[in-house]
Protein backbone atom coordinates (compact mmCIF):
# COMPACT_ATOMS: atom_id res chain seq x y z
CA MET A 1 -19.27 35.29 -6.51
CA ILE A 2 -15.78 34.07 -5.56
CA LYS A 3 -15.65 30.54 -6.99
CA LEU A 4 -13.89 27.49 -5.58
CA ILE A 5 -11.69 27.51 -8.68
CA LYS A 6 -11.18 30.05 -11.45
CA SER A 7 -9.77 27.90 -14.21
CA THR A 8 -9.30 24.32 -15.35
CA PHE A 9 -5.51 24.56 -15.20
CA TYR A 10 -2.92 26.75 -13.56
CA LYS A 11 -1.66 29.12 -16.29
CA GLU A 12 -4.61 28.01 -18.40
CA PRO A 13 -3.95 30.00 -21.63
CA LEU A 14 -0.44 28.52 -21.88
CA VAL A 15 -1.63 24.99 -21.14
CA LYS A 16 -4.48 25.18 -23.66
CA ARG A 17 -2.15 26.39 -26.43
CA LYS A 18 0.26 23.54 -25.75
CA LEU A 19 -2.57 21.04 -25.47
CA CYS A 20 -4.09 22.05 -28.82
CA SER A 21 -0.71 21.64 -30.50
CA PHE A 22 -0.17 18.28 -28.79
CA ILE A 23 -3.54 16.90 -29.90
CA GLN A 24 -3.00 18.00 -33.50
CA LYS A 25 0.41 16.32 -33.67
CA SER A 26 -0.39 13.16 -31.69
CA SER A 27 -0.81 9.80 -33.38
CA GLN A 28 -2.16 8.23 -30.19
CA LEU A 29 -4.38 9.59 -27.42
CA SER A 30 -5.08 6.36 -25.54
CA PHE A 31 -2.71 5.35 -22.71
CA GLY A 32 0.93 5.49 -23.76
CA ASN A 33 4.28 7.23 -23.42
CA GLU A 34 2.95 10.57 -22.10
CA CYS A 35 1.24 8.84 -19.17
CA GLU A 36 4.34 6.78 -18.43
CA THR A 37 6.52 9.90 -18.55
CA PHE A 38 4.20 11.61 -16.09
CA GLU A 39 4.35 8.56 -13.82
CA SER A 40 8.13 8.75 -13.67
CA GLN A 41 8.09 12.51 -13.04
CA PHE A 42 5.44 12.34 -10.34
CA ALA A 43 7.15 9.44 -8.57
CA ALA A 44 10.37 11.49 -8.48
CA TRP A 45 8.56 14.59 -7.17
CA GLN A 46 6.70 12.62 -4.51
CA GLY A 47 9.78 10.61 -3.54
CA ARG A 48 8.31 7.17 -4.25
CA LYS A 49 9.73 4.37 -6.40
CA ASP A 50 6.57 3.79 -8.42
CA CYS A 51 3.58 5.83 -9.56
CA VAL A 52 0.68 4.19 -11.40
CA MET A 53 -1.56 6.77 -13.07
CA VAL A 54 -5.30 6.12 -13.33
CA ASN A 55 -8.34 8.06 -14.50
CA SER A 56 -9.37 9.54 -11.12
CA GLY A 57 -8.58 9.67 -7.42
CA SER A 58 -11.61 7.46 -6.79
CA SER A 59 -10.21 4.88 -9.22
CA ALA A 60 -6.89 5.12 -7.38
CA ASN A 61 -8.67 4.11 -4.16
CA LEU A 62 -10.41 1.21 -5.89
CA ALA A 63 -7.20 0.03 -7.55
CA ALA A 64 -5.27 0.18 -4.27
CA ILE A 65 -7.78 -2.00 -2.41
CA GLN A 66 -8.16 -4.45 -5.30
CA ALA A 67 -4.38 -4.80 -5.62
CA LEU A 68 -4.02 -5.57 -1.91
CA LEU A 69 -6.70 -8.25 -2.26
CA ASN A 70 -5.11 -9.69 -5.40
CA VAL A 71 -1.69 -10.14 -3.77
CA GLY A 72 -3.25 -11.61 -0.62
CA LEU A 73 -2.38 -8.86 1.85
CA LEU A 74 -6.11 -8.35 2.41
CA LYS A 75 -8.80 -11.03 2.44
CA LYS A 76 -12.57 -10.72 2.12
CA GLY A 77 -14.11 -10.20 5.53
CA ASP A 78 -11.11 -8.32 6.94
CA LYS A 79 -11.89 -5.21 8.94
CA VAL A 80 -10.43 -1.99 7.53
CA GLY A 81 -10.47 1.24 9.51
CA PHE A 82 -11.15 4.50 7.70
CA SER A 83 -11.27 8.18 8.59
CA ALA A 84 -14.86 9.09 9.49
CA ILE A 85 -14.53 12.43 7.65
CA THR A 86 -13.57 11.54 4.10
CA TRP A 87 -14.96 11.05 0.59
CA SER A 88 -17.45 8.34 -0.32
CA THR A 89 -15.07 6.47 -2.61
CA ASN A 90 -12.74 5.71 0.28
CA VAL A 91 -15.45 3.63 1.90
CA MET A 92 -17.30 2.27 -1.13
CA PRO A 93 -14.46 0.03 -2.42
CA LEU A 94 -14.21 -1.57 1.02
CA ILE A 95 -17.88 -2.50 0.92
CA GLU A 96 -17.91 -3.45 -2.77
CA LEU A 97 -14.89 -5.74 -2.38
CA GLY A 98 -16.18 -7.64 0.63
CA LEU A 99 -14.28 -5.93 3.45
CA GLN A 100 -15.76 -4.60 6.68
CA PRO A 101 -15.35 -0.82 7.00
CA VAL A 102 -14.78 0.50 10.53
CA PRO A 103 -15.06 4.30 10.96
CA ILE A 104 -12.52 6.03 13.19
CA ASP A 105 -13.34 9.44 14.64
CA VAL A 106 -11.13 12.46 13.99
CA GLU A 107 -9.69 15.16 16.23
CA LEU A 108 -11.53 18.47 16.17
CA ASP A 109 -8.33 20.53 16.08
CA THR A 110 -6.76 18.70 13.09
CA LEU A 111 -9.83 17.20 11.32
CA ASN A 112 -7.82 13.98 11.10
CA VAL A 113 -7.49 10.59 12.78
CA SER A 114 -4.91 10.52 15.59
CA SER A 115 -3.08 7.58 17.13
CA LYS A 116 -5.29 8.05 20.21
CA ARG A 117 -8.48 7.58 18.16
CA LEU A 118 -6.98 4.57 16.39
CA ILE A 119 -6.02 2.91 19.68
CA GLU A 120 -9.55 3.49 20.99
CA ARG A 121 -11.01 1.62 18.01
CA LEU A 122 -8.52 -1.22 18.38
CA LYS A 123 -9.97 -2.00 21.80
CA LYS A 124 -13.10 -3.22 20.04
CA HIS A 125 -12.01 -4.13 16.50
CA THR A 126 -9.05 -6.07 15.11
CA LEU A 127 -8.09 -4.16 11.99
CA ARG A 128 -6.13 -5.63 9.10
CA ALA A 129 -5.68 -2.26 7.42
CA LEU A 130 -6.19 1.45 7.99
CA PHE A 131 -7.27 3.68 5.10
CA LEU A 132 -6.13 7.02 6.48
CA THR A 133 -7.37 10.21 4.83
CA ASN A 134 -5.03 13.19 5.09
CA LEU A 135 -7.87 15.70 5.05
CA LEU A 136 -7.57 19.08 3.30
CA GLY A 137 -3.81 19.37 3.70
CA PHE A 138 -3.79 18.58 7.41
CA CYS A 139 -2.77 15.55 9.45
CA ASP A 140 -2.43 14.45 13.04
CA ASP A 141 0.42 12.39 14.55
CA VAL A 142 1.03 10.20 11.50
CA ASP A 143 4.39 9.00 12.87
CA GLU A 144 2.62 7.57 15.93
CA ILE A 145 -0.08 6.06 13.72
CA VAL A 146 2.67 4.29 11.78
CA ARG A 147 4.04 2.86 15.04
CA VAL A 148 0.60 1.65 16.16
CA CYS A 149 0.04 0.04 12.77
CA LYS A 150 3.41 -1.76 12.85
CA LYS A 151 2.81 -2.98 16.39
CA ASN A 152 -0.61 -4.38 15.46
CA ASN A 153 0.30 -5.70 11.99
CA ILE A 154 -2.01 -3.19 10.29
CA ILE A 155 -1.44 -2.21 6.66
CA LEU A 156 -1.42 1.58 6.35
CA ILE A 157 -2.90 3.09 3.18
CA GLU A 158 -2.94 6.88 2.77
CA ASP A 159 -5.55 8.79 0.83
CA ASN A 160 -3.46 11.83 -0.03
CA CYS A 161 -5.85 13.25 -2.63
CA GLU A 162 -6.30 16.45 -0.59
CA SER A 163 -2.79 16.88 0.86
CA MET A 164 -0.41 16.70 -2.08
CA GLY A 165 2.78 18.50 -1.02
CA THR A 166 2.09 18.73 2.72
CA VAL A 167 5.24 17.89 4.69
CA TYR A 168 5.11 16.40 8.19
CA GLN A 169 8.31 15.69 10.13
CA LYS A 170 10.42 16.33 7.00
CA LYS A 171 8.47 13.75 4.96
CA LYS A 172 5.73 14.37 2.41
CA LEU A 173 2.33 12.99 3.32
CA GLY A 174 1.67 10.05 1.07
CA ASN A 175 5.05 8.54 1.96
CA PHE A 176 4.09 6.99 5.31
CA GLY A 177 1.89 4.12 4.10
CA LEU A 178 2.48 1.03 1.99
CA LEU A 179 0.33 2.67 -0.68
CA SER A 180 -0.91 6.22 -1.18
CA THR A 181 -3.53 7.61 -3.52
CA PHE A 182 -3.69 10.99 -5.28
CA SER A 183 -6.23 12.98 -7.26
CA PHE A 184 -5.59 15.38 -10.14
CA TYR A 185 -9.20 16.44 -10.47
CA VAL A 186 -10.03 20.02 -11.47
CA GLY A 187 -9.83 22.15 -8.33
CA HIS A 188 -7.36 19.91 -6.51
CA HIS A 189 -3.69 20.78 -6.14
CA MET A 190 -2.97 20.26 -9.83
CA SER A 191 -5.38 19.41 -12.60
CA THR A 192 -5.18 16.86 -15.39
CA ILE A 193 -8.95 17.45 -15.87
CA GLU A 194 -9.68 13.99 -14.51
CA GLY A 195 -6.91 11.81 -13.16
CA GLY A 196 -5.35 10.13 -10.18
CA ALA A 197 -2.48 7.90 -9.12
CA VAL A 198 -1.31 5.28 -6.67
CA CYS A 199 2.24 5.49 -5.34
CA THR A 200 4.24 2.78 -3.60
CA ASN A 201 7.77 1.54 -2.97
CA ASP A 202 6.62 -2.10 -3.21
CA ASN A 203 7.55 -3.64 -6.57
CA ALA A 204 5.01 -6.48 -6.44
CA LEU A 205 2.18 -4.08 -5.63
CA ALA A 206 3.23 -1.71 -8.42
CA THR A 207 3.08 -4.62 -10.88
CA MET A 208 -0.33 -5.67 -9.59
CA LEU A 209 -1.64 -2.10 -9.76
CA ARG A 210 -0.73 -2.00 -13.47
CA LEU A 211 -2.64 -5.24 -13.98
CA VAL A 212 -5.63 -3.92 -12.03
CA ARG A 213 -5.64 -0.69 -14.05
CA ALA A 214 -6.02 -2.50 -17.37
CA HIS A 215 -8.40 -5.48 -17.24
CA GLY A 216 -5.93 -7.73 -15.41
CA TRP A 217 -3.69 -8.15 -18.47
CA ASP A 218 0.05 -7.52 -18.78
CA ARG A 219 0.32 -5.07 -21.69
CA ASN A 220 1.63 -2.15 -19.64
CA LEU A 221 4.29 -4.18 -17.84
CA SER A 222 7.97 -4.23 -18.80
CA TYR A 223 9.07 -7.04 -21.14
CA THR A 224 10.88 -8.70 -18.24
CA LYS A 225 7.76 -8.73 -16.07
CA GLN A 226 5.61 -9.86 -18.98
CA ASP A 227 7.97 -12.78 -19.58
CA THR A 228 7.89 -13.71 -15.88
CA MET A 229 4.10 -13.57 -15.82
CA ARG A 230 3.69 -15.62 -19.01
CA LYS A 231 6.10 -18.31 -17.83
CA LYS A 232 4.37 -18.52 -14.46
CA PHE A 233 0.99 -19.12 -16.08
CA LYS A 234 2.41 -21.09 -19.05
CA VAL A 235 1.15 -18.67 -21.65
CA GLY A 236 3.45 -19.55 -24.54
CA SER A 237 1.69 -17.94 -27.47
CA THR A 238 2.04 -14.22 -28.22
CA PHE A 239 -1.36 -14.45 -29.92
CA TYR A 240 -3.04 -15.41 -26.63
CA SER A 241 -0.78 -13.52 -24.24
CA ARG A 242 -2.22 -10.17 -25.22
CA TYR A 243 -5.65 -11.40 -24.15
CA THR A 244 -4.75 -13.33 -21.02
CA PHE A 245 -6.26 -11.89 -17.84
CA TYR A 246 -4.08 -12.82 -14.87
CA ASP A 247 -6.07 -11.33 -12.00
CA LEU A 248 -9.08 -9.17 -11.18
CA GLY A 249 -8.99 -5.76 -12.82
CA TYR A 250 -10.91 -2.92 -14.42
CA ASN A 251 -10.41 -0.31 -17.10
CA LEU A 252 -9.05 2.60 -15.05
CA ARG A 253 -6.63 3.95 -17.65
CA PRO A 254 -6.06 7.67 -18.18
CA THR A 255 -5.51 9.16 -21.63
CA GLU A 256 -2.41 10.70 -23.14
CA ILE A 257 -4.13 14.07 -22.75
CA ASN A 258 -4.17 13.57 -18.97
CA GLY A 259 -0.54 12.47 -18.93
CA TYR A 260 0.61 15.37 -21.10
CA VAL A 261 -1.25 18.01 -19.08
CA GLY A 262 0.09 16.44 -15.89
CA GLN A 263 3.65 16.96 -17.08
CA ILE A 264 2.98 20.66 -17.68
CA GLN A 265 1.21 21.17 -14.37
CA LEU A 266 3.93 19.36 -12.46
CA GLN A 267 6.36 22.07 -13.61
CA PHE A 268 4.31 24.57 -11.58
CA ILE A 269 3.30 22.46 -8.58
CA ASP A 270 5.79 23.95 -6.11
CA GLU A 271 4.71 27.45 -7.14
CA ILE A 272 1.05 26.47 -6.75
CA ILE A 273 1.65 25.05 -3.28
CA ALA A 274 3.61 28.12 -2.16
CA LYS A 275 0.79 30.45 -3.25
CA ARG A 276 -1.86 28.38 -1.54
CA LYS A 277 0.15 28.27 1.67
CA LYS A 278 0.53 32.07 1.62
CA ASN A 279 -3.22 32.49 0.95
CA TYR A 280 -4.19 30.15 3.76
CA PHE A 281 -2.23 31.90 6.46
CA TYR A 282 -3.20 35.38 5.24
CA ILE A 283 -6.88 34.45 5.55
CA MET A 284 -6.73 32.28 8.66
CA ASP A 285 -4.54 34.62 10.70
CA ALA A 286 -7.35 37.17 10.40
CA ILE A 287 -10.24 34.73 10.87
CA ASN A 288 -8.70 33.06 13.94
CA ASP A 289 -8.51 36.44 15.69
CA SER A 290 -12.31 36.58 15.66
CA ASN A 291 -12.64 33.68 18.15
CA LYS A 292 -15.90 32.67 16.43
CA TYR A 293 -14.69 29.29 15.20
CA PHE A 294 -12.89 26.20 16.44
CA SER A 295 -9.14 26.54 15.83
CA ILE A 296 -7.52 24.12 13.42
CA ARG A 297 -3.95 23.30 14.42
CA SER A 298 -1.15 23.25 11.86
CA SER A 299 1.93 24.17 13.94
CA HIS A 300 3.14 20.54 13.88
CA ILE A 301 3.20 20.54 10.05
CA ASP A 302 6.40 21.60 8.26
CA LEU A 303 4.69 22.68 5.03
CA LEU A 304 0.92 23.04 4.75
CA SER A 305 -0.56 22.39 1.30
CA ASN A 306 -4.32 22.57 0.80
CA PHE A 307 -6.79 23.55 -1.90
CA ALA A 308 -9.63 24.59 0.42
CA VAL A 309 -9.99 26.39 3.76
CA PRO A 310 -12.09 24.56 6.39
CA ILE A 311 -14.16 26.50 8.92
CA ILE A 312 -15.83 24.83 11.93
CA CYS A 313 -18.46 27.01 13.59
CA LYS A 314 -19.25 26.79 17.29
CA SER A 315 -22.93 26.03 16.69
CA GLU A 316 -25.21 24.83 13.90
CA ASN A 317 -27.05 28.16 14.01
CA ASP A 318 -23.77 29.99 13.39
CA ARG A 319 -23.00 27.72 10.44
CA ASP A 320 -26.48 28.20 8.96
CA ALA A 321 -26.20 31.97 9.30
CA LEU A 322 -22.79 31.88 7.62
CA VAL A 323 -24.15 29.85 4.72
CA LYS A 324 -26.79 32.55 4.13
CA LYS A 325 -24.19 35.29 4.46
CA CYS A 326 -21.99 33.70 1.79
CA ASP A 327 -24.86 33.20 -0.66
CA LYS A 328 -23.98 34.66 -4.09
CA LYS A 329 -20.75 36.07 -2.64
CA LEU A 330 -18.53 33.07 -1.91
CA GLU A 331 -18.90 29.49 -3.13
CA ILE A 332 -18.85 27.14 -0.14
CA ARG A 333 -19.19 23.40 0.41
CA PRO A 334 -19.56 20.93 3.32
CA ILE A 335 -16.32 19.58 4.76
CA VAL A 336 -15.44 17.09 2.00
CA GLY A 337 -18.07 14.28 2.13
CA GLY A 338 -18.91 14.89 5.77
CA ASP A 339 -19.44 12.19 8.37
CA MET A 340 -19.49 8.93 6.42
CA THR A 341 -21.41 7.13 9.15
CA THR A 342 -24.47 9.30 8.40
CA GLN A 343 -24.47 8.74 4.64
CA PRO A 344 -27.35 6.61 3.26
CA PHE A 345 -25.03 4.09 1.56
CA SER A 346 -23.15 3.48 4.83
CA ARG A 347 -26.33 2.92 6.79
CA LYS A 348 -27.52 0.52 4.08
CA TYR A 349 -24.38 -1.56 3.58
CA ALA A 350 -22.12 -1.16 6.64
CA THR A 351 -24.52 -1.48 9.55
CA GLY A 352 -22.52 -4.16 11.35
CA THR A 353 -19.42 -2.04 11.93
CA LEU A 354 -20.71 1.54 12.10
CA GLU A 355 -19.64 3.33 15.28
CA LYS A 356 -20.60 6.76 16.57
CA CYS A 357 -18.04 9.45 15.76
CA PRO A 358 -19.00 12.60 17.70
CA ASN A 359 -16.29 14.89 16.34
CA ALA A 360 -17.05 13.84 12.77
CA LYS A 361 -20.73 14.53 13.43
CA LEU A 362 -19.92 18.02 14.78
CA ILE A 363 -17.73 18.81 11.77
CA HIS A 364 -20.48 17.53 9.47
CA ASN A 365 -23.15 19.69 11.12
CA GLN A 366 -21.13 22.82 11.84
CA GLY A 367 -18.46 22.95 9.15
CA LEU A 368 -17.94 24.31 5.66
CA TYR A 369 -15.07 25.11 3.36
CA PHE A 370 -14.23 27.58 0.60
CA GLY A 371 -11.67 27.37 -2.17
CA ASN A 372 -8.01 28.25 -1.76
CA ASN A 373 -6.82 28.55 -5.34
CA PRO A 374 -3.49 30.05 -6.46
CA GLU A 375 -5.29 32.75 -8.47
CA LEU A 376 -7.01 34.40 -5.49
CA THR A 377 -6.33 38.15 -5.37
CA LYS A 378 -5.70 40.15 -2.21
CA LYS A 379 -9.00 41.96 -2.82
CA GLU A 380 -10.86 38.64 -2.93
CA MET A 381 -9.13 37.38 0.20
CA ASP A 382 -10.07 40.58 2.03
CA ILE A 383 -13.71 40.07 0.97
CA ILE A 384 -13.53 36.51 2.37
CA ILE A 385 -12.05 37.74 5.64
CA ASP A 386 -14.79 40.35 5.98
CA LEU A 387 -17.49 37.69 5.47
CA PHE A 388 -16.11 35.59 8.30
CA VAL A 389 -15.11 38.20 10.87
CA SER A 390 -17.74 40.94 10.54
């Protein structure tokens, strides 16, 4: 069986040796300097001013939405568009925090929302924000989506948990929106075991994200920002200031283990991305020649970075036959979380704004993906190709 992933970390023996030594020598494993160092390094790599590390990509999504509510950019009852093919925890925070989620269909040849699909939805719904998922390393015309959002006063948020490192029009995905979220879960582009982050260039949002991450208090802010916050709310006593909760928050903090491992993995991220890109095109150049599947377009992308290879069959029968063919040979999954409009939680809680999304439904019913990890061998890739073309 060719698994989705082979190891917890890239260069796992090296990372485990370093991690064992780090744990033995550390005086603190709760959130601290290692996490903050990783934040600075990741912000620099991504090209954003601020990175706020949290304990998962799902927590990053929750923190992003809560922060936007806390600063008043979103209000309860606002309609927020989201990519119909995505993960559950893109939609759940919208419902949980009193927003109205509006699904937007994707394009079959990119698996992603296009400006055309967004404009279609705007004919019926006035959106205050768009939570755009950059699915599996791909994107559509994000530059045009940005223009539509600006024209209609829509806040753009990017879920970039599956597209870390993808470059579109000379800019990394995750740098087009006001906020962008990332995941460092095992099997994603780089692993901190569990972990995630929110990136932004907005100073006020970065401050609020740090409050949201830790109960709504100010302990992880700079002294200058703590002083500003305490003066604003007239918190004069150091005794009480450490237990003053300024806004709505959670405990979404990562550990020093996550921050330390992230620093090591970040040293290899460009190498990881390069290997995955090479794997993808080696496999897909052969599979696309078979003409058995819908083509997924990537020619508009400068650098493609994904951790899984999506396949969309031309019928449900073909997909079902392929699932049987891969059994005990290749680990496969549905396309991310599938069509969110068909999920039980959506039908229970978002009935007022659910719209039909035919392309998302087709992808849900006829799609699958398999892992694209940097440790795949040529022999394994040839086995994969044979499964899909023979």
